[in-house]
Every structure is written in structure tokens, then in C-alpha cells.
Amino acid sequence: MFGSKSDEIIRGYLNSASITVLGTVSAVLVTSAYAYVITAKGFRFRGAFAFFAYFTMLFSGGDAPPGTF
């Protein structure tokens, strides 16, 4: 019914490693696609996408507000 503690620890490490690899690969693919769209001269909304990326960098988008932790 219950596995040994070492099996649980190994499974936890494997879960952490696989989630990290999957997240890193997907983030690199999405970022690369976004960068390609911004640099493609013929893309219709290139300026809007570039402005969106720049605008979020101005205000540290994605950071937790002070006092959260």
C-alpha cells in the first residue's frame, strides 16, 4: 500500500526534474516564437507586439507586489 520513503523521494525528484525540463523547453519555444514575430518585417501587428513586450518591462510585470511574502 505504501512505498518506502526512498521511492517517494526519488519520485519527487523525478517529478521536479520533468516539470522543470518541460517548463524550460516550453518557455524557450514561446519566447523564440514571440521574438521571431517581433523581428519579422512583414508581420502586420509587429509594432503592437513589440510595444506590449516593452510596456510590460517598464512596470516589472509578473513580480509579486511588496508585502505579499
Protein backbone atom coordinates (compact mmCIF):
# COMPACT_ATOMS: atom_id res chain seq x y z
CA MET A 1 0.00 0.00 0.00
CA PHE A 2 2.67 2.49 0.98
CA GLY A 3 6.04 2.64 -0.77
CA SER A 4 9.28 3.18 1.02
CA LYS A 5 10.45 6.69 1.80
CA SER A 6 13.33 6.42 -0.68
CA ASP A 7 10.88 5.59 -3.50
CA GLU A 8 8.79 8.63 -2.63
CA ILE A 9 11.85 10.88 -2.58
CA ILE A 10 13.06 9.57 -5.94
CA ARG A 11 9.59 10.05 -7.44
CA GLY A 12 9.52 13.62 -6.09
CA TYR A 13 12.89 14.40 -7.64
CA LEU A 14 11.80 12.91 -10.98
CA ASN A 15 8.60 14.95 -10.92
CA SER A 16 10.53 18.13 -10.15
CA ALA A 17 13.08 17.45 -12.89
CA SER A 18 10.47 16.62 -15.54
CA ILE A 19 8.35 19.68 -14.71
CA THR A 20 11.45 21.88 -14.83
CA VAL A 21 12.56 20.50 -18.21
CA LEU A 22 9.07 20.75 -19.70
CA GLY A 23 8.61 24.30 -18.41
CA THR A 24 12.01 25.42 -19.67
CA VAL A 25 11.52 23.93 -23.14
CA SER A 26 8.03 25.43 -23.49
CA ALA A 27 9.22 28.85 -22.27
CA VAL A 28 12.10 28.86 -24.76
CA LEU A 29 9.77 27.89 -27.62
CA VAL A 30 7.19 30.57 -26.77
CA THR A 31 9.86 33.24 -26.29
CA SER A 32 11.55 32.29 -29.56
CA ALA A 33 8.26 32.45 -31.46
CA TYR A 34 7.47 35.85 -29.94
CA ALA A 35 10.94 37.14 -30.83
CA TYR A 36 10.54 35.93 -34.41
CA VAL A 37 7.20 37.69 -34.75
CA ILE A 38 8.66 40.96 -33.43
CA THR A 39 11.60 40.81 -35.86
CA ALA A 40 9.63 39.69 -38.95
CA LYS A 41 9.33 42.70 -41.24
CA GLY A 42 6.14 41.50 -42.93
CA PHE A 43 4.15 40.79 -39.76
CA ARG A 44 1.11 43.04 -39.61
CA PHE A 45 0.93 43.71 -35.85
CA ARG A 46 4.66 43.78 -35.23
CA GLY A 47 4.60 47.21 -33.58
CA ALA A 48 1.77 46.29 -31.23
CA PHE A 49 3.52 43.10 -30.10
CA ALA A 50 6.80 44.98 -29.60
CA PHE A 51 5.03 47.71 -27.62
CA PHE A 52 3.32 45.09 -25.44
CA ALA A 53 6.66 43.46 -24.62
CA TYR A 54 8.29 46.83 -23.91
CA PHE A 55 5.37 48.15 -21.86
CA THR A 56 5.32 45.15 -19.52
CA MET A 57 9.07 45.53 -18.94
CA LEU A 58 8.57 49.11 -17.79
CA PHE A 59 6.40 48.10 -14.86
CA SER A 60 8.10 44.82 -13.85
CA GLY A 61 5.15 42.75 -14.98
CA GLY A 62 4.79 39.44 -13.19
CA ASP A 63 6.51 40.45 -9.95
CA ALA A 64 4.68 39.91 -6.70
CA PRO A 65 3.60 43.16 -5.03
CA PRO A 66 5.57 44.25 -1.97
CA GLY A 67 4.34 42.73 1.30
CA THR A 68 2.97 39.58 -0.35
CA PHE A 69 5.55 37.30 1.26
